[in-house]
Amino acid sequence: MADSYQIVRLKKGKTNFEIMAAPGSVQKFRKNEVSIKDVLVMDLIFTNQSKGDKASDDQLERAFETADVKEVAKTICMKGDLQLTAAERQAKVDKKKSEIVGRIHKFYVDPKTNLPHPVARIEAAMEDCKFRVDPEASTDKQVQDLVHKMVSVIPLKKSEMEARLVLSHAHMAAAQGSVVGRYLNVKQEKYDATGCSMRVTLLPGDYDAVVKQLGKITNGDYTFEILGSELTGISRVEGAFKQDDQKKKKKSTHNAPRGGRGGSKGKRGK
């Protein structure tokens, strides 16, 4: 289809009726923002535009009870199926792809680290699987299909992460609502003279947001460790994860990060 126009098709009985519409004009017409004259590229009704077959007055009268082209075009424009331009189709595919990748990033983890795969890694695995995105199909169904194929490329596990968060009393009020309750569900909490230690759960895809927000409200004065990780001494360095072989405990402790960096026990990630 040429990008200089879009086809709007309405079927009446066994006959298709089509108009050629200016790109982007149909949605505006349906919102009463433009008139039908702004929509029509040609003042013609077709039964098959690609073959140049025009609808006769008799056909229009039988199907629409009028042979007035603009009146028929209004009906087709309001009730017909809009055929998308190449750019619009690609935009829908890109939007659906983003939804699928976002869903996997949010709800699935690498079982070796119990942390979410970076979005770029998920997109690369998607390409390796040669997965074709259907912009009209259910996002949930496509996520299931993709995960089934992608486990042969990258390890995946649908999971809720469990972690321990330690905050001082000075930061508890700021954390409530901005982190705790928003991203973290508290399963257990213990207060002492210095602050509160919480056992929490979170979605894998919220990990980055949690670390960023905690750093912002505490200036790095917090401890946040992922429980059950097979890697030891995980430290976060600008979106990447590194293993500190000298650390034997399974945790990530953030103290005094600079420029978005964090590390174990106040040291900057290497």
C-alpha atoms as a PDB file:
ATOM      1  CA  MET A   1       0.000   0.000   0.000  1.00  0.00           C
ATOM      2  CA  ALA A   2       1.321   3.464  -0.811  1.00  0.00           C
ATOM      3  CA  ASP A   3       2.071   5.628   2.218  1.00  0.00           C
ATOM      4  CA  SER A   4       0.341   8.547   0.489  1.00  0.00           C
ATOM      5  CA  TYR A   5      -3.033   7.082   1.395  1.00  0.00           C
ATOM      6  CA  GLN A   6      -4.734   4.463   3.541  1.00  0.00           C
ATOM      7  CA  ILE A   7      -7.523   2.109   2.571  1.00  0.00           C
ATOM      8  CA  VAL A   8     -10.648   1.941   4.729  1.00  0.00           C
ATOM      9  CA  ARG A   9     -12.753  -1.125   3.962  1.00  0.00           C
ATOM     10  CA  LEU A  10     -16.334  -1.943   4.946  1.00  0.00           C
ATOM     11  CA  LYS A  11     -18.024  -5.174   3.955  1.00  0.00           C
ATOM     12  CA  LYS A  12     -21.744  -5.146   3.131  1.00  0.00           C
ATOM     13  CA  GLY A  13     -23.120  -8.558   2.385  1.00  0.00           C
ATOM     14  CA  LYS A  14     -20.598 -10.195   0.077  1.00  0.00           C
ATOM     15  CA  THR A  15     -19.230  -6.913  -1.300  1.00  0.00           C
ATOM     16  CA  ASN A  16     -16.328  -4.837   0.012  1.00  0.00           C
ATOM     17  CA  PHE A  17     -16.554  -1.061  -0.250  1.00  0.00           C
ATOM     18  CA  GLU A  18     -13.348   0.930   0.027  1.00  0.00           C
ATOM     19  CA  ILE A  19     -12.218   4.528   0.169  1.00  0.00           C
ATOM     20  CA  MET A  20      -8.753   6.066  -0.154  1.00  0.00           C
ATOM     21  CA  ALA A  21      -8.042   8.187   2.933  1.00  0.00           C
ATOM     22  CA  ALA A  22      -5.266  10.649   3.684  1.00  0.00           C
ATOM     23  CA  PRO A  23      -2.805   9.144   6.217  1.00  0.00           C
ATOM     24  CA  GLY A  24      -3.827   9.916   9.789  1.00  0.00           C
ATOM     25  CA  SER A  25      -7.124  11.499   8.785  1.00  0.00           C
ATOM     26  CA  VAL A  26      -9.478   8.642   9.684  1.00  0.00           C
ATOM     27  CA  GLN A  27      -8.864   8.803  13.421  1.00  0.00           C
ATOM     28  CA  LYS A  28      -9.277  12.577  13.311  1.00  0.00           C
ATOM     29  CA  PHE A  29     -12.569  12.188  11.437  1.00  0.00           C
ATOM     30  CA  ARG A  30     -13.793   9.701  14.021  1.00  0.00           C
ATOM     31  CA  LYS A  31     -13.014  12.292  16.694  1.00  0.00           C
ATOM     32  CA  ASN A  32     -14.918  14.936  14.699  1.00  0.00           C
ATOM     33  CA  GLU A  33     -11.725  16.943  14.171  1.00  0.00           C
ATOM     34  CA  VAL A  34     -11.847  17.049  10.344  1.00  0.00           C
ATOM     35  CA  SER A  35     -14.528  16.791   7.667  1.00  0.00           C
ATOM     36  CA  ILE A  36     -14.933  13.978   5.125  1.00  0.00           C
ATOM     37  CA  LYS A  37     -13.449  16.187   2.410  1.00  0.00           C
ATOM     38  CA  ASP A  38     -10.214  16.277   4.423  1.00  0.00           C
ATOM     39  CA  VAL A  39     -10.223  12.467   4.523  1.00  0.00           C
ATOM     40  CA  LEU A  40     -10.868  11.522   0.905  1.00  0.00           C
ATOM     41  CA  VAL A  41      -7.894  11.370  -1.442  1.00  0.00           C
ATOM     42  CA  MET A  42     -10.324  10.686  -4.308  1.00  0.00           C
ATOM     43  CA  ASP A  43     -14.090  11.190  -4.349  1.00  0.00           C
ATOM     44  CA  LEU A  44     -14.651   7.581  -5.327  1.00  0.00           C
ATOM     45  CA  ILE A  45     -15.975   4.404  -3.699  1.00  0.00           C
ATOM     46  CA  PHE A  46     -14.229   1.216  -4.773  1.00  0.00           C
ATOM     47  CA  THR A  47     -15.142  -2.442  -4.516  1.00  0.00           C
ATOM     48  CA  ASN A  48     -11.468  -3.287  -5.030  1.00  0.00           C
ATOM     49  CA  GLN A  49      -9.149  -0.288  -5.038  1.00  0.00           C
ATOM     50  CA  SER A  50      -6.022  -2.283  -5.935  1.00  0.00           C
ATOM     51  CA  LYS A  51      -7.699  -3.397  -9.180  1.00  0.00           C
ATOM     52  CA  GLY A  52      -9.331  -0.045  -9.780  1.00  0.00           C
ATOM     53  CA  ASP A  53     -12.876  -1.509  -9.532  1.00  0.00           C
ATOM     54  CA  LYS A  54     -15.370   1.251  -8.719  1.00  0.00           C
ATOM     55  CA  ALA A  55     -18.695   0.717  -7.013  1.00  0.00           C
ATOM     56  CA  SER A  56     -21.742   1.477  -9.186  1.00  0.00           C
ATOM     57  CA  ASP A  57     -24.589   3.714  -8.069  1.00  0.00           C
ATOM     58  CA  ASP A  58     -26.841   0.638  -7.903  1.00  0.00           C
ATOM     59  CA  GLN A  59     -24.400  -1.114  -5.567  1.00  0.00           C
ATOM     60  CA  LEU A  60     -24.216   1.941  -3.322  1.00  0.00           C
ATOM     61  CA  GLU A  61     -28.007   2.340  -3.244  1.00  0.00           C
ATOM     62  CA  ARG A  62     -28.524  -1.300  -2.277  1.00  0.00           C
ATOM     63  CA  ALA A  63     -25.852  -1.278   0.402  1.00  0.00           C
ATOM     64  CA  PHE A  64     -26.160   2.250   1.832  1.00  0.00           C
ATOM     65  CA  GLU A  65     -29.558   3.482   0.563  1.00  0.00           C
ATOM     66  CA  THR A  66     -27.783   6.400  -1.094  1.00  0.00           C
ATOM     67  CA  ALA A  67     -25.407   6.906  -4.016  1.00  0.00           C
ATOM     68  CA  ASP A  68     -23.955  10.113  -2.548  1.00  0.00           C
ATOM     69  CA  VAL A  69     -20.217   9.437  -2.412  1.00  0.00           C
ATOM     70  CA  LYS A  70     -19.506  11.648   0.588  1.00  0.00           C
ATOM     71  CA  GLU A  71     -22.375  10.195   2.640  1.00  0.00           C
ATOM     72  CA  VAL A  72     -21.261   6.649   1.819  1.00  0.00           C
ATOM     73  CA  ALA A  73     -17.652   7.617   2.583  1.00  0.00           C
ATOM     74  CA  LYS A  74     -18.703   8.897   6.021  1.00  0.00           C
ATOM     75  CA  THR A  75     -20.224   5.520   6.851  1.00  0.00           C
ATOM     76  CA  ILE A  76     -17.192   3.629   5.577  1.00  0.00           C
ATOM     77  CA  CYS A  77     -14.857   5.949   7.463  1.00  0.00           C
ATOM     78  CA  MET A  78     -16.747   5.531  10.750  1.00  0.00           C
ATOM     79  CA  LYS A  79     -17.458   1.800  10.606  1.00  0.00           C
ATOM     80  CA  GLY A  80     -14.814   0.382   8.279  1.00  0.00           C
ATOM     81  CA  ASP A  81     -11.494  -1.325   8.977  1.00  0.00           C
ATOM     82  CA  LEU A  82      -8.517   0.962   8.574  1.00  0.00           C
ATOM     83  CA  GLN A  83      -5.562  -0.552   6.737  1.00  0.00           C
ATOM     84  CA  LEU A  84      -2.388   0.745   8.397  1.00  0.00           C
ATOM     85  CA  THR A  85       0.557   2.330   6.620  1.00  0.00           C
ATOM     86  CA  ALA A  86       3.936   0.597   6.810  1.00  0.00           C
ATOM     87  CA  ALA A  87       5.087   3.135   9.408  1.00  0.00           C
ATOM     88  CA  GLU A  88       1.965   2.613  11.526  1.00  0.00           C
ATOM     89  CA  ARG A  89       2.289  -1.165  11.337  1.00  0.00           C
ATOM     90  CA  GLN A  90       5.948  -0.935  12.417  1.00  0.00           C
ATOM     91  CA  ALA A  91       5.014   1.367  15.295  1.00  0.00           C
ATOM     92  CA  LYS A  92       2.477  -1.193  16.524  1.00  0.00           C
ATOM     93  CA  VAL A  93       5.040  -3.988  16.256  1.00  0.00           C
ATOM     94  CA  ASP A  94       7.612  -1.931  18.168  1.00  0.00           C
ATOM     95  CA  LYS A  95       5.091  -1.113  20.888  1.00  0.00           C
ATOM     96  CA  LYS A  96       4.082  -4.758  21.289  1.00  0.00           C
ATOM     97  CA  LYS A  97       7.745  -5.854  21.328  1.00  0.00           C
ATOM     98  CA  SER A  98       8.455  -3.339  24.078  1.00  0.00           C
ATOM     99  CA  GLU A  99       5.534  -4.720  26.107  1.00  0.00           C
ATOM    100  CA  ILE A 100       6.769  -8.308  25.708  1.00  0.00           C
ATOM    101  CA  VAL A 101      10.369  -7.495  26.633  1.00  0.00           C
ATOM    102  CA  GLY A 102       9.217  -5.361  29.548  1.00  0.00           C
ATOM    103  CA  ARG A 103       7.032  -8.163  30.872  1.00  0.00           C
ATOM    104  CA  ILE A 104       9.919 -10.670  30.762  1.00  0.00           C
ATOM    105  CA  HIS A 105      12.286  -8.182  32.392  1.00  0.00           C
ATOM    106  CA  LYS A 106       9.777  -7.530  35.165  1.00  0.00           C
ATOM    107  CA  PHE A 107       8.616 -11.057  35.974  1.00  0.00           C
ATOM    108  CA  TYR A 108      11.542 -13.348  35.074  1.00  0.00           C
ATOM    109  CA  VAL A 109      15.037 -13.757  36.519  1.00  0.00           C
ATOM    110  CA  ASP A 110      18.297 -15.512  35.786  1.00  0.00           C
ATOM    111  CA  PRO A 111      18.052 -18.549  38.123  1.00  0.00           C
ATOM    112  CA  LYS A 112      21.811 -18.395  38.759  1.00  0.00           C
ATOM    113  CA  THR A 113      21.702 -14.870  40.191  1.00  0.00           C
ATOM    114  CA  ASN A 114      18.022 -14.394  41.028  1.00  0.00           C
ATOM    115  CA  LEU A 115      18.321 -11.065  39.226  1.00  0.00           C
ATOM    116  CA  PRO A 116      16.575  -9.899  36.026  1.00  0.00           C
ATOM    117  CA  HIS A 117      18.380 -10.075  32.702  1.00  0.00           C
ATOM    118  CA  PRO A 118      19.136  -6.615  31.222  1.00  0.00           C
ATOM    119  CA  VAL A 119      16.642  -5.500  28.582  1.00  0.00           C
ATOM    120  CA  ALA A 120      19.348  -5.519  25.892  1.00  0.00           C
ATOM    121  CA  ARG A 121      20.124  -9.162  26.649  1.00  0.00           C
ATOM    122  CA  ILE A 122      16.453 -10.120  26.410  1.00  0.00           C
ATOM    123  CA  GLU A 123      16.136  -8.302  23.079  1.00  0.00           C
ATOM    124  CA  ALA A 124      19.251 -10.051  21.751  1.00  0.00           C
ATOM    125  CA  ALA A 125      17.891 -13.451  22.826  1.00  0.00           C
ATOM    126  CA  MET A 126      14.614 -12.572  21.143  1.00  0.00           C
ATOM    127  CA  GLU A 127      16.491 -11.981  17.892  1.00  0.00           C
ATOM    128  CA  ASP A 128      18.416 -15.244  18.299  1.00  0.00           C
ATOM    129  CA  CYS A 129      15.100 -17.087  18.635  1.00  0.00           C
ATOM    130  CA  LYS A 130      13.845 -15.384  15.452  1.00  0.00           C
ATOM    131  CA  PHE A 131      10.646 -14.618  17.331  1.00  0.00           C
ATOM    132  CA  ARG A 132       8.066 -12.797  15.217  1.00  0.00           C
ATOM    133  CA  VAL A 133       6.002 -10.266  17.133  1.00  0.00           C
ATOM    134  CA  ASP A 134       2.292 -10.155  16.322  1.00  0.00           C
ATOM    135  CA  PRO A 135       0.987  -6.650  17.116  1.00  0.00           C
ATOM    136  CA  GLU A 136      -2.587  -7.925  17.367  1.00  0.00           C
ATOM    137  CA  ALA A 137      -1.985 -11.006  19.532  1.00  0.00           C
ATOM    138  CA  SER A 138      -2.133 -11.141  23.329  1.00  0.00           C
ATOM    139  CA  THR A 139       1.008  -9.931  25.091  1.00  0.00           C
ATOM    140  CA  ASP A 140       0.686 -12.634  27.768  1.00  0.00           C
ATOM    141  CA  LYS A 141       0.393 -15.410  25.182  1.00  0.00           C
ATOM    142  CA  GLN A 142       3.410 -14.147  23.253  1.00  0.00           C
ATOM    143  CA  VAL A 143       5.446 -13.870  26.472  1.00  0.00           C
ATOM    144  CA  GLN A 144       4.686 -17.533  27.208  1.00  0.00           C
ATOM    145  CA  ASP A 145       5.634 -18.572  23.676  1.00  0.00           C
ATOM    146  CA  LEU A 146       8.826 -16.530  23.718  1.00  0.00           C
ATOM    147  CA  VAL A 147       9.978 -17.765  27.133  1.00  0.00           C
ATOM    148  CA  HIS A 148       9.462 -21.352  25.957  1.00  0.00           C
ATOM    149  CA  LYS A 149      11.829 -20.688  23.033  1.00  0.00           C
ATOM    150  CA  MET A 150      14.241 -18.390  24.841  1.00  0.00           C
ATOM    151  CA  VAL A 151      15.232 -20.769  27.662  1.00  0.00           C
ATOM    152  CA  SER A 152      17.531 -22.502  25.174  1.00  0.00           C
ATOM    153  CA  VAL A 153      19.367 -19.187  24.702  1.00  0.00           C
ATOM    154  CA  ILE A 154      19.398 -17.631  28.193  1.00  0.00           C
ATOM    155  CA  PRO A 155      18.354 -19.145  31.556  1.00  0.00           C
ATOM    156  CA  LEU A 156      14.987 -17.903  32.769  1.00  0.00           C
ATOM    157  CA  LYS A 157      12.809 -18.481  35.786  1.00  0.00           C
ATOM    158  CA  LYS A 158       9.530 -16.799  36.635  1.00  0.00           C
ATOM    159  CA  SER A 159      10.082 -15.619  40.133  1.00  0.00           C
ATOM    160  CA  GLU A 160       9.555 -13.120  42.876  1.00  0.00           C
ATOM    161  CA  MET A 161      12.838 -12.024  44.411  1.00  0.00           C
ATOM    162  CA  GLU A 162      13.361 -12.167  48.168  1.00  0.00           C
ATOM    163  CA  ALA A 163      15.697  -9.704  49.833  1.00  0.00           C
ATOM    164  CA  ARG A 164      16.765  -8.113  53.101  1.00  0.00           C
ATOM    165  CA  LEU A 165      16.685  -4.340  53.501  1.00  0.00           C
ATOM    166  CA  VAL A 166      18.293  -2.527  56.422  1.00  0.00           C
ATOM    167  CA  LEU A 167      17.554   1.159  56.969  1.00  0.00           C
ATOM    168  CA  SER A 168      18.335   3.569  59.782  1.00  0.00           C
ATOM    169  CA  HIS A 169      15.495   5.277  61.617  1.00  0.00           C
ATOM    170  CA  ALA A 170      16.416   8.534  59.863  1.00  0.00           C
ATOM    171  CA  HIS A 171      15.455   7.106  56.457  1.00  0.00           C
ATOM    172  CA  MET A 172      12.393   5.030  57.338  1.00  0.00           C
ATOM    173  CA  ALA A 173       9.836   7.793  56.749  1.00  0.00           C
ATOM    174  CA  ALA A 174      11.273   8.657  53.319  1.00  0.00           C
ATOM    175  CA  ALA A 175      11.355   4.987  52.299  1.00  0.00           C
ATOM    176  CA  GLN A 176       7.705   4.398  53.087  1.00  0.00           C
ATOM    177  CA  GLY A 177       5.658   4.829  49.926  1.00  0.00           C
ATOM    178  CA  SER A 178       8.605   5.671  47.686  1.00  0.00           C
ATOM    179  CA  VAL A 179      10.171   2.196  48.000  1.00  0.00           C
ATOM    180  CA  VAL A 180       8.486   0.160  50.732  1.00  0.00           C
ATOM    181  CA  GLY A 181       4.906  -0.452  49.688  1.00  0.00           C
ATOM    182  CA  ARG A 182       5.571   0.741  46.158  1.00  0.00           C
ATOM    183  CA  TYR A 183       8.169  -1.798  45.034  1.00  0.00           C
ATOM    184  CA  LEU A 184       8.775  -3.885  48.148  1.00  0.00           C
ATOM    185  CA  ASN A 185       6.311  -6.033  50.064  1.00  0.00           C
ATOM    186  CA  VAL A 186       7.363  -6.475  53.677  1.00  0.00           C
ATOM    187  CA  LYS A 187       7.149 -10.043  54.965  1.00  0.00           C
ATOM    188  CA  GLN A 188       8.962  -9.524  58.259  1.00  0.00           C
ATOM    189  CA  GLU A 189      10.511  -6.581  60.066  1.00  0.00           C
ATOM    190  CA  LYS A 190      12.655  -6.134  63.161  1.00  0.00           C
ATOM    191  CA  TYR A 191      13.442  -2.832  64.847  1.00  0.00           C
ATOM    192  CA  ASP A 192      16.409  -2.077  67.078  1.00  0.00           C
ATOM    193  CA  ALA A 193      18.160   1.010  68.388  1.00  0.00           C
ATOM    194  CA  THR A 194      19.729   1.860  65.027  1.00  0.00           C
ATOM    195  CA  GLY A 195      16.930   1.158  62.573  1.00  0.00           C
ATOM    196  CA  CYS A 196      14.912  -1.594  60.936  1.00  0.00           C
ATOM    197  CA  SER A 197      15.807  -4.843  59.198  1.00  0.00           C
ATOM    198  CA  MET A 198      13.128  -6.023  56.773  1.00  0.00           C
ATOM    199  CA  ARG A 199      12.629  -9.243  54.865  1.00  0.00           C
ATOM    200  CA  VAL A 200      10.948  -8.184  51.616  1.00  0.00           C
ATOM    201  CA  THR A 201       9.850  -9.482  48.233  1.00  0.00           C
ATOM    202  CA  LEU A 202       9.944  -7.644  44.904  1.00  0.00           C
ATOM    203  CA  LEU A 203       9.469  -8.262  41.215  1.00  0.00           C
ATOM    204  CA  PRO A 204      12.723  -8.838  39.326  1.00  0.00           C
ATOM    205  CA  GLY A 205      12.109  -5.927  36.995  1.00  0.00           C
ATOM    206  CA  ASP A 206      11.793  -3.515  39.935  1.00  0.00           C
ATOM    207  CA  TYR A 207      15.324  -4.191  41.199  1.00  0.00           C
ATOM    208  CA  ASP A 208      16.934  -1.267  39.366  1.00  0.00           C
ATOM    209  CA  ALA A 209      14.235   1.146  40.511  1.00  0.00           C
ATOM    210  CA  VAL A 210      14.617   0.004  44.129  1.00  0.00           C
ATOM    211  CA  VAL A 211      18.395   0.490  44.138  1.00  0.00           C
ATOM    212  CA  LYS A 212      18.103   3.886  42.438  1.00  0.00           C
ATOM    213  CA  GLN A 213      15.436   5.144  44.803  1.00  0.00           C
ATOM    214  CA  LEU A 214      17.195   3.854  47.913  1.00  0.00           C
ATOM    215  CA  GLY A 215      20.393   5.591  46.840  1.00  0.00           C
ATOM    216  CA  LYS A 216      18.482   8.808  46.274  1.00  0.00           C
ATOM    217  CA  ILE A 217      16.689   8.957  49.621  1.00  0.00           C
ATOM    218  CA  THR A 218      19.517   7.591  51.804  1.00  0.00           C
ATOM    219  CA  ASN A 219      22.618   8.912  50.007  1.00  0.00           C
ATOM    220  CA  GLY A 220      23.893   5.341  50.011  1.00  0.00           C
ATOM    221  CA  ASP A 221      23.268   4.654  53.698  1.00  0.00           C
ATOM    222  CA  TYR A 222      21.455   1.337  53.382  1.00  0.00           C
ATOM    223  CA  THR A 223      21.967  -2.399  53.028  1.00  0.00           C
ATOM    224  CA  PHE A 224      20.040  -4.352  50.416  1.00  0.00           C
ATOM    225  CA  GLU A 225      20.872  -7.999  49.834  1.00  0.00           C
ATOM    226  CA  ILE A 226      19.242 -10.478  47.471  1.00  0.00           C
ATOM    227  CA  LEU A 227      18.621 -13.761  49.251  1.00  0.00           C
ATOM    228  CA  GLY A 228      19.178 -17.172  47.685  1.00  0.00           C
ATOM    229  CA  SER A 229      21.624 -16.049  44.980  1.00  0.00           C
ATOM    230  CA  GLU A 230      24.157 -18.607  43.763  1.00  0.00           C
ATOM    231  CA  LEU A 231      26.670 -15.843  43.096  1.00  0.00           C
ATOM    232  CA  THR A 232      28.596 -14.319  45.968  1.00  0.00           C
ATOM    233  CA  GLY A 233      29.447 -10.703  46.604  1.00  0.00           C
ATOM    234  CA  ILE A 234      27.324  -9.272  43.812  1.00  0.00           C
ATOM    235  CA  SER A 235      27.984  -5.562  43.358  1.00  0.00           C
ATOM    236  CA  ARG A 236      26.190  -3.201  40.995  1.00  0.00           C
ATOM    237  CA  VAL A 237      28.217  -1.044  38.640  1.00  0.00           C
ATOM    238  CA  GLU A 238      26.245   1.176  36.252  1.00  0.00           C
ATOM    239  CA  GLY A 239      23.731  -1.478  35.260  1.00  0.00           C
ATOM    240  CA  ALA A 240      26.208  -4.417  35.187  1.00  0.00           C
ATOM    241  CA  PHE A 241      26.816  -7.078  37.823  1.00  0.00           C
ATOM    242  CA  LYS A 242      30.252  -8.231  38.904  1.00  0.00           C
ATOM    243  CA  GLN A 243      31.336 -10.967  41.302  1.00  0.00           C
ATOM    244  CA  ASP A 244      33.796 -10.107  44.059  1.00  0.00           C
ATOM    245  CA  ASP A 245      35.643 -13.376  44.705  1.00  0.00           C
ATOM    246  CA  GLN A 246      36.849 -12.115  48.058  1.00  0.00           C
ATOM    247  CA  LYS A 247      33.323 -11.856  49.423  1.00  0.00           C
ATOM    248  CA  LYS A 248      31.840 -15.064  50.712  1.00  0.00           C
ATOM    249  CA  LYS A 249      28.453 -13.796  51.818  1.00  0.00           C
ATOM    250  CA  LYS A 250      25.571 -13.750  49.355  1.00  0.00           C
ATOM    251  CA  LYS A 251      24.693 -10.088  49.433  1.00  0.00           C
ATOM    252  CA  SER A 252      24.911  -6.698  47.778  1.00  0.00           C
ATOM    253  CA  THR A 253      25.533  -3.853  50.244  1.00  0.00           C
ATOM    254  CA  HIS A 254      25.358  -0.280  48.968  1.00  0.00           C
ATOM    255  CA  ASN A 255      27.123   2.496  50.851  1.00  0.00           C
ATOM    256  CA  ALA A 256      28.026   5.981  49.697  1.00  0.00           C
ATOM    257  CA  PRO A 257      27.703   5.425  45.948  1.00  0.00           C
ATOM    258  CA  ARG A 258      29.131   8.077  43.691  1.00  0.00           C
ATOM    259  CA  GLY A 259      27.803   8.954  40.289  1.00  0.00           C
ATOM    260  CA  GLY A 260      25.386   6.026  40.291  1.00  0.00           C
ATOM    261  CA  ARG A 261      27.979   3.467  41.468  1.00  0.00           C
ATOM    262  CA  GLY A 262      27.564   1.207  44.427  1.00  0.00           C
ATOM    263  CA  GLY A 263      29.513  -1.622  45.941  1.00  0.00           C
ATOM    264  CA  SER A 264      29.930  -3.961  48.872  1.00  0.00           C
ATOM    265  CA  LYS A 265      30.472  -2.352  52.278  1.00  0.00           C
ATOM    266  CA  GLY A 266      30.940   1.170  50.988  1.00  0.00           C
ATOM    267  CA  LYS A 267      33.496   0.322  48.317  1.00  0.00           C
ATOM    268  CA  ARG A 268      32.880   1.434  44.781  1.00  0.00           C
ATOM    269  CA  GLY A 269      32.091  -1.342  42.300  1.00  0.00           C
ATOM    270  CA  LYS A 270      35.066  -2.322  40.257  1.00  0.00           C
END
